[in-house]
Every structure is written in C-alpha cells, then in structure tokens.
N, C-alpha and C. Protein backbone atom coordinates (compact mmCIF):
# COMPACT_ATOMS: atom_id res chain seq x y z
N MET A 1 -67.85 130.10 80.98
CA MET A 1 -69.25 129.86 81.20
C MET A 1 -69.84 130.94 82.11
N GLU A 2 -69.08 131.36 83.10
CA GLU A 2 -69.56 132.40 84.01
C GLU A 2 -69.85 133.69 83.24
N LYS A 3 -68.96 134.02 82.29
CA LYS A 3 -69.15 135.21 81.47
C LYS A 3 -70.45 135.11 80.66
N GLN A 4 -70.71 133.91 80.11
CA GLN A 4 -71.94 133.71 79.35
C GLN A 4 -73.16 133.94 80.23
N MET A 5 -73.10 133.49 81.45
CA MET A 5 -74.23 133.63 82.36
C MET A 5 -74.49 135.10 82.68
N LEU A 6 -73.42 135.87 82.83
CA LEU A 6 -73.57 137.28 83.17
C LEU A 6 -74.10 138.10 82.00
N GLU A 7 -73.74 137.70 80.77
CA GLU A 7 -74.14 138.47 79.60
C GLU A 7 -75.60 138.24 79.21
N SER A 8 -76.16 137.13 79.61
CA SER A 8 -77.52 136.80 79.19
C SER A 8 -78.47 136.85 80.38
N SER A 9 -79.54 137.60 80.23
CA SER A 9 -80.52 137.66 81.31
C SER A 9 -81.58 136.56 81.16
N GLU A 10 -81.65 135.98 79.98
CA GLU A 10 -82.63 134.93 79.72
C GLU A 10 -81.90 133.68 79.24
N GLU A 11 -82.08 132.59 79.96
CA GLU A 11 -81.42 131.34 79.57
C GLU A 11 -82.24 130.64 78.50
N ARG A 12 -81.52 130.00 77.58
CA ARG A 12 -82.16 129.26 76.51
C ARG A 12 -81.72 127.79 76.61
N THR A 13 -82.55 126.90 76.09
CA THR A 13 -82.19 125.49 76.06
C THR A 13 -80.91 125.31 75.27
N PHE A 14 -80.02 124.52 75.78
CA PHE A 14 -78.72 124.22 75.15
C PHE A 14 -77.79 125.42 75.05
N GLN A 15 -78.06 126.46 75.78
CA GLN A 15 -77.25 127.68 75.74
C GLN A 15 -75.79 127.39 76.08
N TYR A 16 -75.55 126.49 77.02
CA TYR A 16 -74.19 126.22 77.49
C TYR A 16 -73.62 124.93 76.89
N GLN A 17 -74.28 124.40 75.90
CA GLN A 17 -73.90 123.12 75.32
C GLN A 17 -72.42 123.07 74.90
N ASP A 18 -71.96 124.10 74.24
CA ASP A 18 -70.57 124.10 73.74
C ASP A 18 -69.53 124.17 74.84
N SER A 19 -69.92 124.62 76.02
CA SER A 19 -68.95 124.73 77.11
C SER A 19 -68.90 123.46 77.97
N LEU A 20 -69.81 122.52 77.72
CA LEU A 20 -69.83 121.28 78.48
C LEU A 20 -68.88 120.25 77.88
N PRO A 21 -68.27 119.43 78.72
CA PRO A 21 -67.41 118.38 78.18
C PRO A 21 -68.25 117.27 77.53
N SER A 22 -67.65 116.56 76.60
CA SER A 22 -68.33 115.44 75.97
C SER A 22 -68.46 114.30 76.97
N LEU A 23 -69.52 113.53 76.83
CA LEU A 23 -69.68 112.36 77.69
C LEU A 23 -68.72 111.27 77.23
N PRO A 24 -68.07 110.61 78.17
CA PRO A 24 -67.16 109.53 77.79
C PRO A 24 -67.96 108.27 77.42
N VAL A 25 -67.35 107.40 76.64
CA VAL A 25 -67.95 106.10 76.34
C VAL A 25 -67.71 105.23 77.57
N PRO A 26 -68.76 104.73 78.18
CA PRO A 26 -68.55 103.90 79.37
C PRO A 26 -67.90 102.56 79.00
N PRO A 27 -67.17 101.96 79.92
CA PRO A 27 -66.58 100.65 79.64
C PRO A 27 -67.68 99.63 79.32
N LEU A 28 -67.41 98.73 78.39
CA LEU A 28 -68.38 97.73 77.98
C LEU A 28 -68.86 96.91 79.17
N GLU A 29 -67.94 96.50 80.02
CA GLU A 29 -68.30 95.67 81.18
C GLU A 29 -69.30 96.39 82.08
N GLU A 30 -69.10 97.68 82.26
CA GLU A 30 -70.00 98.48 83.10
C GLU A 30 -71.40 98.54 82.49
N SER A 31 -71.47 98.77 81.20
CA SER A 31 -72.77 98.84 80.52
C SER A 31 -73.51 97.51 80.61
N LEU A 32 -72.79 96.43 80.40
CA LEU A 32 -73.43 95.11 80.45
C LEU A 32 -73.87 94.76 81.86
N SER A 33 -73.10 95.13 82.84
CA SER A 33 -73.47 94.89 84.23
C SER A 33 -74.73 95.67 84.60
N LYS A 34 -74.80 96.91 84.17
CA LYS A 34 -76.00 97.72 84.43
C LYS A 34 -77.22 97.14 83.72
N TYR A 35 -77.01 96.62 82.53
CA TYR A 35 -78.11 96.00 81.80
C TYR A 35 -78.65 94.79 82.58
N LEU A 36 -77.74 93.94 83.03
CA LEU A 36 -78.16 92.76 83.80
C LEU A 36 -78.87 93.16 85.08
N ASP A 37 -78.37 94.17 85.76
CA ASP A 37 -79.04 94.66 86.97
C ASP A 37 -80.45 95.17 86.66
N ALA A 38 -80.60 95.81 85.51
CA ALA A 38 -81.90 96.39 85.14
C ALA A 38 -82.93 95.32 84.78
N VAL A 39 -82.51 94.24 84.14
CA VAL A 39 -83.47 93.22 83.72
C VAL A 39 -83.75 92.17 84.79
N LYS A 40 -82.88 92.03 85.76
CA LYS A 40 -83.01 90.97 86.76
C LYS A 40 -84.36 90.93 87.47
N PRO A 41 -84.92 92.05 87.89
CA PRO A 41 -86.22 92.00 88.59
C PRO A 41 -87.37 91.48 87.72
N PHE A 42 -87.20 91.47 86.42
CA PHE A 42 -88.28 91.08 85.51
C PHE A 42 -88.17 89.64 85.02
N LEU A 43 -87.12 88.94 85.41
CA LEU A 43 -86.88 87.59 84.91
C LEU A 43 -86.87 86.57 86.02
N ASN A 44 -87.30 85.35 85.69
CA ASN A 44 -87.13 84.27 86.66
C ASN A 44 -85.69 83.78 86.56
N GLN A 45 -85.31 82.84 87.40
CA GLN A 45 -83.92 82.39 87.47
C GLN A 45 -83.43 81.83 86.13
N GLU A 46 -84.27 81.03 85.47
CA GLU A 46 -83.89 80.43 84.19
C GLU A 46 -83.70 81.50 83.10
N GLU A 47 -84.63 82.44 83.05
CA GLU A 47 -84.54 83.52 82.06
C GLU A 47 -83.32 84.39 82.31
N TYR A 48 -83.06 84.65 83.59
CA TYR A 48 -81.90 85.49 83.92
C TYR A 48 -80.60 84.77 83.53
N GLN A 49 -80.53 83.48 83.80
CA GLN A 49 -79.32 82.72 83.45
C GLN A 49 -79.10 82.73 81.94
N ARG A 50 -80.17 82.57 81.18
CA ARG A 50 -80.06 82.60 79.72
C ARG A 50 -79.60 83.99 79.25
N THR A 51 -80.17 85.02 79.84
CA THR A 51 -79.79 86.40 79.50
C THR A 51 -78.33 86.64 79.85
N GLU A 52 -77.91 86.16 80.99
CA GLU A 52 -76.51 86.32 81.42
C GLU A 52 -75.57 85.62 80.43
N ASP A 53 -75.95 84.44 79.98
CA ASP A 53 -75.14 83.71 78.99
C ASP A 53 -75.04 84.48 77.67
N ILE A 54 -76.16 85.05 77.25
CA ILE A 54 -76.18 85.84 76.01
C ILE A 54 -75.28 87.07 76.15
N VAL A 55 -75.35 87.72 77.30
CA VAL A 55 -74.54 88.92 77.54
C VAL A 55 -73.05 88.56 77.53
N LYS A 56 -72.69 87.45 78.14
CA LYS A 56 -71.28 87.02 78.14
C LYS A 56 -70.80 86.72 76.72
N LYS A 57 -71.67 86.07 75.95
CA LYS A 57 -71.34 85.76 74.55
C LYS A 57 -71.14 87.07 73.77
N PHE A 58 -72.03 88.03 74.00
CA PHE A 58 -71.92 89.33 73.34
C PHE A 58 -70.62 90.04 73.75
N GLU A 59 -70.34 90.03 75.05
CA GLU A 59 -69.15 90.71 75.58
C GLU A 59 -67.87 90.14 74.98
N ASN A 60 -67.81 88.84 74.83
CA ASN A 60 -66.60 88.19 74.31
C ASN A 60 -66.59 88.07 72.80
N GLY A 61 -67.67 88.47 72.15
CA GLY A 61 -67.77 88.38 70.70
C GLY A 61 -67.88 89.74 70.05
N ILE A 62 -69.01 89.96 69.40
CA ILE A 62 -69.21 91.18 68.62
C ILE A 62 -69.24 92.44 69.51
N GLY A 63 -69.55 92.28 70.78
CA GLY A 63 -69.59 93.43 71.68
C GLY A 63 -68.26 94.17 71.75
N LYS A 64 -67.16 93.42 71.74
CA LYS A 64 -65.83 94.06 71.77
C LYS A 64 -65.62 94.91 70.52
N GLU A 65 -66.00 94.36 69.38
CA GLU A 65 -65.83 95.09 68.11
C GLU A 65 -66.70 96.33 68.08
N LEU A 66 -67.95 96.20 68.49
CA LEU A 66 -68.86 97.36 68.49
C LEU A 66 -68.40 98.42 69.48
N HIS A 67 -67.90 97.99 70.63
CA HIS A 67 -67.41 98.95 71.62
C HIS A 67 -66.19 99.69 71.09
N GLN A 68 -65.33 98.99 70.41
CA GLN A 68 -64.15 99.63 69.81
C GLN A 68 -64.57 100.68 68.78
N LYS A 69 -65.62 100.38 68.02
CA LYS A 69 -66.14 101.35 67.04
C LYS A 69 -66.67 102.59 67.74
N LEU A 70 -67.33 102.38 68.89
CA LEU A 70 -67.82 103.53 69.65
C LEU A 70 -66.66 104.40 70.15
N LEU A 71 -65.61 103.75 70.63
CA LEU A 71 -64.44 104.50 71.11
C LEU A 71 -63.80 105.30 69.98
N GLU A 72 -63.72 104.71 68.80
CA GLU A 72 -63.17 105.42 67.64
C GLU A 72 -64.07 106.59 67.25
N ARG A 73 -65.36 106.36 67.26
CA ARG A 73 -66.32 107.41 66.92
C ARG A 73 -66.22 108.58 67.90
N ALA A 74 -66.03 108.27 69.17
CA ALA A 74 -65.95 109.31 70.20
C ALA A 74 -64.74 110.21 70.00
N LYS A 75 -63.71 109.71 69.36
CA LYS A 75 -62.50 110.52 69.11
C LYS A 75 -62.75 111.61 68.08
N THR A 76 -63.71 111.40 67.19
CA THR A 76 -63.92 112.34 66.09
C THR A 76 -65.23 113.11 66.17
N ARG A 77 -66.06 112.79 67.14
CA ARG A 77 -67.35 113.45 67.25
C ARG A 77 -67.58 113.96 68.67
N ARG A 78 -68.19 115.10 68.74
CA ARG A 78 -68.50 115.66 70.05
C ARG A 78 -69.55 114.80 70.76
N ASN A 79 -70.55 114.38 70.03
CA ASN A 79 -71.61 113.54 70.60
C ASN A 79 -71.60 112.20 69.88
N TRP A 80 -70.93 111.22 70.46
CA TRP A 80 -70.80 109.91 69.82
C TRP A 80 -72.10 109.13 69.80
N ARG A 81 -73.10 109.54 70.60
CA ARG A 81 -74.39 108.84 70.65
C ARG A 81 -75.35 109.31 69.56
N LYS A 82 -75.12 110.47 69.01
CA LYS A 82 -76.05 111.07 68.06
C LYS A 82 -75.91 110.45 66.67
N GLY A 83 -77.03 110.26 66.02
CA GLY A 83 -77.01 109.86 64.62
C GLY A 83 -77.04 108.37 64.35
N TYR A 84 -77.39 107.56 65.34
CA TYR A 84 -77.42 106.12 65.10
C TYR A 84 -78.73 105.66 64.46
N LYS A 85 -79.84 106.13 64.96
CA LYS A 85 -81.13 105.62 64.50
C LYS A 85 -81.32 105.92 63.02
N GLY A 86 -81.61 104.89 62.27
CA GLY A 86 -81.83 105.05 60.85
C GLY A 86 -80.55 104.98 60.03
N GLY A 87 -79.42 105.01 60.68
CA GLY A 87 -78.15 104.96 59.95
C GLY A 87 -77.51 103.58 60.01
N HIS A 88 -76.29 103.51 59.58
CA HIS A 88 -75.54 102.26 59.52
C HIS A 88 -75.45 101.58 60.89
N TYR A 89 -75.18 102.35 61.92
CA TYR A 89 -75.03 101.77 63.25
C TYR A 89 -76.33 101.16 63.75
N HIS A 90 -77.44 101.80 63.44
CA HIS A 90 -78.73 101.27 63.86
C HIS A 90 -78.99 99.92 63.18
N VAL A 91 -78.67 99.82 61.92
CA VAL A 91 -78.85 98.57 61.18
C VAL A 91 -77.98 97.47 61.78
N GLU A 92 -76.73 97.79 62.06
CA GLU A 92 -75.82 96.81 62.66
C GLU A 92 -76.31 96.39 64.04
N PHE A 93 -76.81 97.33 64.82
CA PHE A 93 -77.32 97.03 66.14
C PHE A 93 -78.51 96.08 66.04
N MET A 94 -79.42 96.35 65.11
CA MET A 94 -80.59 95.50 64.94
C MET A 94 -80.18 94.10 64.50
N ARG A 95 -79.17 93.99 63.65
CA ARG A 95 -78.68 92.66 63.24
C ARG A 95 -78.13 91.91 64.45
N THR A 96 -77.42 92.62 65.31
CA THR A 96 -76.87 92.01 66.51
C THR A 96 -78.00 91.47 67.39
N LEU A 97 -79.05 92.25 67.54
CA LEU A 97 -80.18 91.80 68.36
C LEU A 97 -80.82 90.55 67.77
N GLN A 98 -80.91 90.48 66.46
CA GLN A 98 -81.50 89.31 65.82
C GLN A 98 -80.65 88.06 66.10
N VAL A 99 -79.35 88.21 66.09
CA VAL A 99 -78.46 87.09 66.35
C VAL A 99 -78.59 86.64 67.78
N LEU A 100 -78.72 87.59 68.71
CA LEU A 100 -78.76 87.26 70.13
C LEU A 100 -80.09 86.66 70.59
N THR A 101 -81.16 86.95 69.87
CA THR A 101 -82.46 86.45 70.32
C THR A 101 -82.86 85.15 69.69
C-alpha cells in the first residue's frame, strides 16, 4: 500500500480497495444486541419487551440459519454485504420481516 501511495500523486476513490481486508461477519448476538440498543430510546416498556421477544425468537429460529448463510457467503466473496437488494437474499429478508411483524 505504501508503494501505491508513493506512485500516485492524486488519490482516487476506492484506490486502495484491493489492499484492504474484507470486513468480517459480526456475531449474530452482537448484531441483535446493537439493534435492541438502537431501538430502545424510541419504544415504551411494552413495545421494547415485545421487540425483545421477537429478537429472541429470531435469534433462536431463522436468524441462526440466515447468519450461517452469511458466514458461508463471506468465505467465497470479498464483500459479503454486496448484492442483496433486489436479489434472492433481499426477498428472503423481506419474508422474514413479514413473519416477525
């Protein structure tokens, strides 16, 4: 990367993209905990309890399967987050949301 910086006098967007490590898939529990932390200020106690119950159901149900799919995807793709919207994963995600709500 240092060599790339010395050779170029003008930086471009994504110029160093290939030299950066891929982002890891965060643990499911961590993602769900962050989600609950993010929504808590916007919910009353009853709403938060219901949301917490839904998250636990997701974590112990389809969430495990979906997380495993993400881990598998990350093994074969540099950017495991790219390409969901409009594709198979987006459809599955939307179905999951319909079940949870």
